[in-house]
Amino acid sequence: MALDGLYTKENVFAEFKKLKSNSQKAKFLRETKELKQQHPQLFRNLKISLKQFDNLIREWENLKPFARMLKEIADREERELKLEKAKRGD
């Protein structure tokens, strides 16, 4: 990472947005996580845990990031809609 000083949400998001491929994004997240472990004082204004970094890395390493999560949300919304229709008697 090319940033110096404190890391802010805006700076990290801007760097992340510049990356094109999922592998680049996963690599950036791994490097940022490592840096947070080694120098936590640089990230005192950034509220993200190491577990959250792990989750993001795992998702961005997938062929289709967040596909499983989006499918689970769609399935849940569909079930809720069916339940709502059943309650109304449609």
N, C-alpha and C. Protein backbone atom coordinates (compact mmCIF):
# COMPACT_ATOMS: atom_id res chain seq x y z
N MET A 1 0.83 -1.18 0.00
CA MET A 1 0.00 0.00 0.00
C MET A 1 0.88 1.24 0.00
N ALA A 2 0.41 2.22 -0.69
CA ALA A 2 1.23 3.42 -0.86
C ALA A 2 0.87 4.54 0.10
N LEU A 3 0.00 4.28 1.02
CA LEU A 3 -0.43 5.35 1.93
C LEU A 3 0.49 5.44 3.14
N ASP A 4 0.67 6.64 3.63
CA ASP A 4 1.47 6.85 4.83
C ASP A 4 0.59 7.48 5.89
N GLY A 5 0.97 7.31 7.15
CA GLY A 5 0.22 7.91 8.23
C GLY A 5 -0.97 7.06 8.63
N LEU A 6 -2.01 7.72 9.11
CA LEU A 6 -3.20 7.00 9.57
C LEU A 6 -4.05 6.56 8.39
N TYR A 7 -4.64 5.41 8.55
CA TYR A 7 -5.52 4.88 7.52
C TYR A 7 -6.96 5.21 7.88
N THR A 8 -7.64 5.85 6.96
CA THR A 8 -9.05 6.17 7.17
C THR A 8 -9.89 5.30 6.26
N LYS A 9 -11.15 5.22 6.58
CA LYS A 9 -12.09 4.45 5.77
C LYS A 9 -12.06 4.95 4.32
N GLU A 10 -12.04 6.25 4.14
CA GLU A 10 -12.06 6.84 2.81
C GLU A 10 -10.81 6.45 2.01
N ASN A 11 -9.64 6.50 2.67
CA ASN A 11 -8.38 6.15 1.98
C ASN A 11 -8.37 4.68 1.56
N VAL A 12 -8.79 3.82 2.47
CA VAL A 12 -8.79 2.38 2.18
C VAL A 12 -9.79 2.09 1.06
N PHE A 13 -10.97 2.69 1.12
CA PHE A 13 -11.98 2.48 0.07
C PHE A 13 -11.47 2.98 -1.28
N ALA A 14 -10.79 4.13 -1.29
CA ALA A 14 -10.27 4.69 -2.54
C ALA A 14 -9.23 3.77 -3.16
N GLU A 15 -8.32 3.25 -2.35
CA GLU A 15 -7.31 2.31 -2.85
C GLU A 15 -7.97 1.04 -3.37
N PHE A 16 -8.94 0.53 -2.63
CA PHE A 16 -9.63 -0.70 -3.00
C PHE A 16 -10.38 -0.52 -4.32
N LYS A 17 -10.99 0.63 -4.50
CA LYS A 17 -11.78 0.90 -5.70
C LYS A 17 -10.91 0.91 -6.96
N LYS A 18 -9.65 1.27 -6.84
CA LYS A 18 -8.73 1.32 -7.98
C LYS A 18 -8.40 -0.07 -8.52
N LEU A 19 -8.56 -1.09 -7.70
CA LEU A 19 -8.18 -2.45 -8.08
C LEU A 19 -9.22 -3.05 -9.02
N LYS A 20 -8.75 -3.79 -10.02
CA LYS A 20 -9.65 -4.31 -11.05
C LYS A 20 -10.07 -5.75 -10.81
N SER A 21 -9.14 -6.61 -10.46
CA SER A 21 -9.47 -8.04 -10.37
C SER A 21 -9.74 -8.46 -8.92
N ASN A 22 -10.46 -9.56 -8.80
CA ASN A 22 -10.76 -10.09 -7.46
C ASN A 22 -9.49 -10.50 -6.74
N SER A 23 -8.52 -11.05 -7.48
CA SER A 23 -7.28 -11.48 -6.84
C SER A 23 -6.49 -10.27 -6.32
N GLN A 24 -6.53 -9.16 -7.05
CA GLN A 24 -5.87 -7.94 -6.56
C GLN A 24 -6.54 -7.44 -5.28
N LYS A 25 -7.87 -7.51 -5.26
CA LYS A 25 -8.61 -7.06 -4.08
C LYS A 25 -8.31 -7.94 -2.88
N ALA A 26 -8.26 -9.26 -3.10
CA ALA A 26 -7.94 -10.19 -2.01
C ALA A 26 -6.52 -9.93 -1.50
N LYS A 27 -5.59 -9.70 -2.42
CA LYS A 27 -4.20 -9.42 -2.03
C LYS A 27 -4.13 -8.12 -1.21
N PHE A 28 -4.83 -7.10 -1.66
CA PHE A 28 -4.87 -5.82 -0.93
C PHE A 28 -5.41 -6.03 0.48
N LEU A 29 -6.47 -6.80 0.60
CA LEU A 29 -7.06 -7.05 1.91
C LEU A 29 -6.11 -7.83 2.82
N ARG A 30 -5.40 -8.83 2.24
CA ARG A 30 -4.42 -9.58 3.03
C ARG A 30 -3.31 -8.66 3.53
N GLU A 31 -2.81 -7.81 2.64
CA GLU A 31 -1.73 -6.88 3.02
C GLU A 31 -2.21 -5.88 4.08
N THR A 32 -3.43 -5.40 3.92
CA THR A 32 -3.98 -4.44 4.88
C THR A 32 -4.18 -5.10 6.24
N LYS A 33 -4.66 -6.34 6.23
CA LYS A 33 -4.84 -7.09 7.48
C LYS A 33 -3.49 -7.28 8.17
N GLU A 34 -2.48 -7.66 7.40
CA GLU A 34 -1.13 -7.86 7.94
C GLU A 34 -0.62 -6.56 8.57
N LEU A 35 -0.82 -5.46 7.85
CA LEU A 35 -0.37 -4.16 8.34
C LEU A 35 -1.11 -3.79 9.63
N LYS A 36 -2.40 -4.10 9.69
CA LYS A 36 -3.16 -3.81 10.91
C LYS A 36 -2.64 -4.65 12.08
N GLN A 37 -2.26 -5.89 11.81
CA GLN A 37 -1.71 -6.74 12.88
C GLN A 37 -0.38 -6.21 13.37
N GLN A 38 0.46 -5.75 12.45
CA GLN A 38 1.81 -5.30 12.80
C GLN A 38 1.82 -3.87 13.36
N HIS A 39 0.91 -3.03 12.87
CA HIS A 39 0.89 -1.63 13.27
C HIS A 39 -0.55 -1.17 13.55
N PRO A 40 -1.16 -1.66 14.61
CA PRO A 40 -2.57 -1.31 14.88
C PRO A 40 -2.79 0.19 15.10
N GLN A 41 -1.77 0.90 15.52
CA GLN A 41 -1.91 2.33 15.76
C GLN A 41 -2.25 3.09 14.47
N LEU A 42 -1.88 2.56 13.32
CA LEU A 42 -2.20 3.21 12.05
C LEU A 42 -3.68 3.10 11.70
N PHE A 43 -4.37 2.17 12.34
CA PHE A 43 -5.76 1.88 12.02
C PHE A 43 -6.73 2.25 13.15
N ARG A 44 -6.31 3.11 14.03
CA ARG A 44 -7.15 3.40 15.20
C ARG A 44 -8.47 4.07 14.80
N ASN A 45 -8.53 4.71 13.65
CA ASN A 45 -9.77 5.35 13.19
C ASN A 45 -10.60 4.44 12.29
N LEU A 46 -10.12 3.25 12.04
CA LEU A 46 -10.79 2.32 11.14
C LEU A 46 -11.34 1.16 11.95
N LYS A 47 -12.64 1.03 12.00
CA LYS A 47 -13.29 0.01 12.82
C LYS A 47 -13.54 -1.25 12.00
N ILE A 48 -12.53 -2.08 11.86
CA ILE A 48 -12.68 -3.36 11.19
C ILE A 48 -11.82 -4.38 11.94
N SER A 49 -12.41 -5.52 12.20
CA SER A 49 -11.69 -6.54 12.96
C SER A 49 -10.92 -7.46 12.01
N LEU A 50 -10.01 -8.23 12.58
CA LEU A 50 -9.25 -9.18 11.78
C LEU A 50 -10.17 -10.26 11.22
N LYS A 51 -11.19 -10.63 11.97
CA LYS A 51 -12.18 -11.61 11.50
C LYS A 51 -12.93 -11.07 10.28
N GLN A 52 -13.26 -9.79 10.31
CA GLN A 52 -13.93 -9.17 9.17
C GLN A 52 -13.02 -9.16 7.95
N PHE A 53 -11.73 -8.89 8.16
CA PHE A 53 -10.77 -8.99 7.07
C PHE A 53 -10.77 -10.40 6.49
N ASP A 54 -10.74 -11.41 7.37
CA ASP A 54 -10.76 -12.81 6.92
C ASP A 54 -11.99 -13.10 6.07
N ASN A 55 -13.14 -12.62 6.52
CA ASN A 55 -14.38 -12.85 5.77
C ASN A 55 -14.34 -12.18 4.40
N LEU A 56 -13.85 -10.95 4.35
CA LEU A 56 -13.75 -10.24 3.07
C LEU A 56 -12.75 -10.92 2.13
N ILE A 57 -11.63 -11.34 2.67
CA ILE A 57 -10.62 -12.04 1.86
C ILE A 57 -11.22 -13.30 1.26
N ARG A 58 -11.92 -14.07 2.10
CA ARG A 58 -12.53 -15.31 1.62
C ARG A 58 -13.53 -15.03 0.49
N GLU A 59 -14.33 -13.99 0.65
CA GLU A 59 -15.32 -13.66 -0.39
C GLU A 59 -14.65 -13.21 -1.69
N TRP A 60 -13.65 -12.35 -1.59
CA TRP A 60 -13.02 -11.83 -2.80
C TRP A 60 -12.15 -12.87 -3.50
N GLU A 61 -11.80 -13.94 -2.82
CA GLU A 61 -11.06 -15.02 -3.46
C GLU A 61 -11.98 -15.95 -4.26
N ASN A 62 -13.29 -15.85 -4.03
CA ASN A 62 -14.25 -16.65 -4.77
C ASN A 62 -14.37 -16.15 -6.21
N LEU A 63 -14.81 -17.06 -7.09
CA LEU A 63 -15.02 -16.70 -8.48
C LEU A 63 -16.09 -15.62 -8.60
N LYS A 64 -17.17 -15.79 -7.83
CA LYS A 64 -18.25 -14.79 -7.79
C LYS A 64 -18.40 -14.32 -6.34
N PRO A 65 -17.73 -13.23 -5.98
CA PRO A 65 -17.79 -12.74 -4.60
C PRO A 65 -19.22 -12.44 -4.16
N PHE A 66 -19.53 -12.83 -2.96
CA PHE A 66 -20.80 -12.53 -2.31
C PHE A 66 -22.00 -13.21 -2.96
N ALA A 67 -21.78 -14.14 -3.90
CA ALA A 67 -22.88 -14.83 -4.58
C ALA A 67 -23.71 -15.64 -3.58
N ARG A 68 -23.03 -16.36 -2.69
CA ARG A 68 -23.75 -17.17 -1.71
C ARG A 68 -24.60 -16.30 -0.79
N MET A 69 -24.02 -15.20 -0.34
CA MET A 69 -24.73 -14.29 0.55
C MET A 69 -25.94 -13.68 -0.16
N LEU A 70 -25.78 -13.25 -1.39
CA LEU A 70 -26.88 -12.65 -2.13
C LEU A 70 -27.99 -13.67 -2.39
N LYS A 71 -27.61 -14.93 -2.65
CA LYS A 71 -28.60 -15.99 -2.85
C LYS A 71 -29.37 -16.24 -1.56
N GLU A 72 -28.67 -16.28 -0.43
CA GLU A 72 -29.33 -16.48 0.86
C GLU A 72 -30.32 -15.35 1.15
N ILE A 73 -29.95 -14.13 0.83
CA ILE A 73 -30.84 -12.98 1.05
C ILE A 73 -32.07 -13.10 0.14
N ALA A 74 -31.86 -13.43 -1.13
CA ALA A 74 -32.98 -13.57 -2.06
C ALA A 74 -33.91 -14.70 -1.62
N ASP A 75 -33.34 -15.81 -1.19
CA ASP A 75 -34.17 -16.94 -0.72
C ASP A 75 -34.98 -16.55 0.52
N ARG A 76 -34.35 -15.84 1.45
CA ARG A 76 -35.05 -15.40 2.65
C ARG A 76 -36.18 -14.44 2.32
N GLU A 77 -35.93 -13.50 1.41
CA GLU A 77 -36.96 -12.55 1.02
C GLU A 77 -38.12 -13.25 0.33
N GLU A 78 -37.80 -14.26 -0.48
CA GLU A 78 -38.85 -15.03 -1.15
C GLU A 78 -39.71 -15.78 -0.14
N ARG A 79 -39.07 -16.40 0.86
CA ARG A 79 -39.82 -17.10 1.91
C ARG A 79 -40.70 -16.13 2.69
N GLU A 80 -40.16 -14.96 3.01
CA GLU A 80 -40.94 -13.97 3.75
C GLU A 80 -42.13 -13.49 2.93
N LEU A 81 -41.94 -13.31 1.63
CA LEU A 81 -43.03 -12.87 0.76
C LEU A 81 -44.12 -13.94 0.69
N LYS A 82 -43.72 -15.19 0.56
CA LYS A 82 -44.70 -16.29 0.53
C LYS A 82 -45.47 -16.36 1.84
N LEU A 83 -44.78 -16.20 2.95
CA LEU A 83 -45.42 -16.23 4.26
C LEU A 83 -46.41 -15.07 4.41
N GLU A 84 -46.01 -13.90 3.94
CA GLU A 84 -46.87 -12.73 3.99
C GLU A 84 -48.12 -12.94 3.14
N LYS A 85 -47.97 -13.51 1.94
CA LYS A 85 -49.11 -13.79 1.07
C LYS A 85 -50.04 -14.81 1.72
N ALA A 86 -49.46 -15.81 2.36
CA ALA A 86 -50.27 -16.83 3.03
C ALA A 86 -51.08 -16.22 4.17
N LYS A 87 -50.49 -15.28 4.90
CA LYS A 87 -51.19 -14.63 6.00
C LYS A 87 -52.34 -13.77 5.51
N ARG A 88 -52.14 -13.13 4.35
CA ARG A 88 -53.18 -12.27 3.78
C ARG A 88 -54.25 -13.07 3.07
N GLY A 89 -53.93 -14.29 2.70
CA GLY A 89 -54.89 -15.15 2.01
C GLY A 89 -54.89 -14.93 0.50
N ASP A 90 -53.80 -14.43 -0.05
CA ASP A 90 -53.71 -14.22 -1.51
C ASP A 90 -53.64 -15.52 -2.26
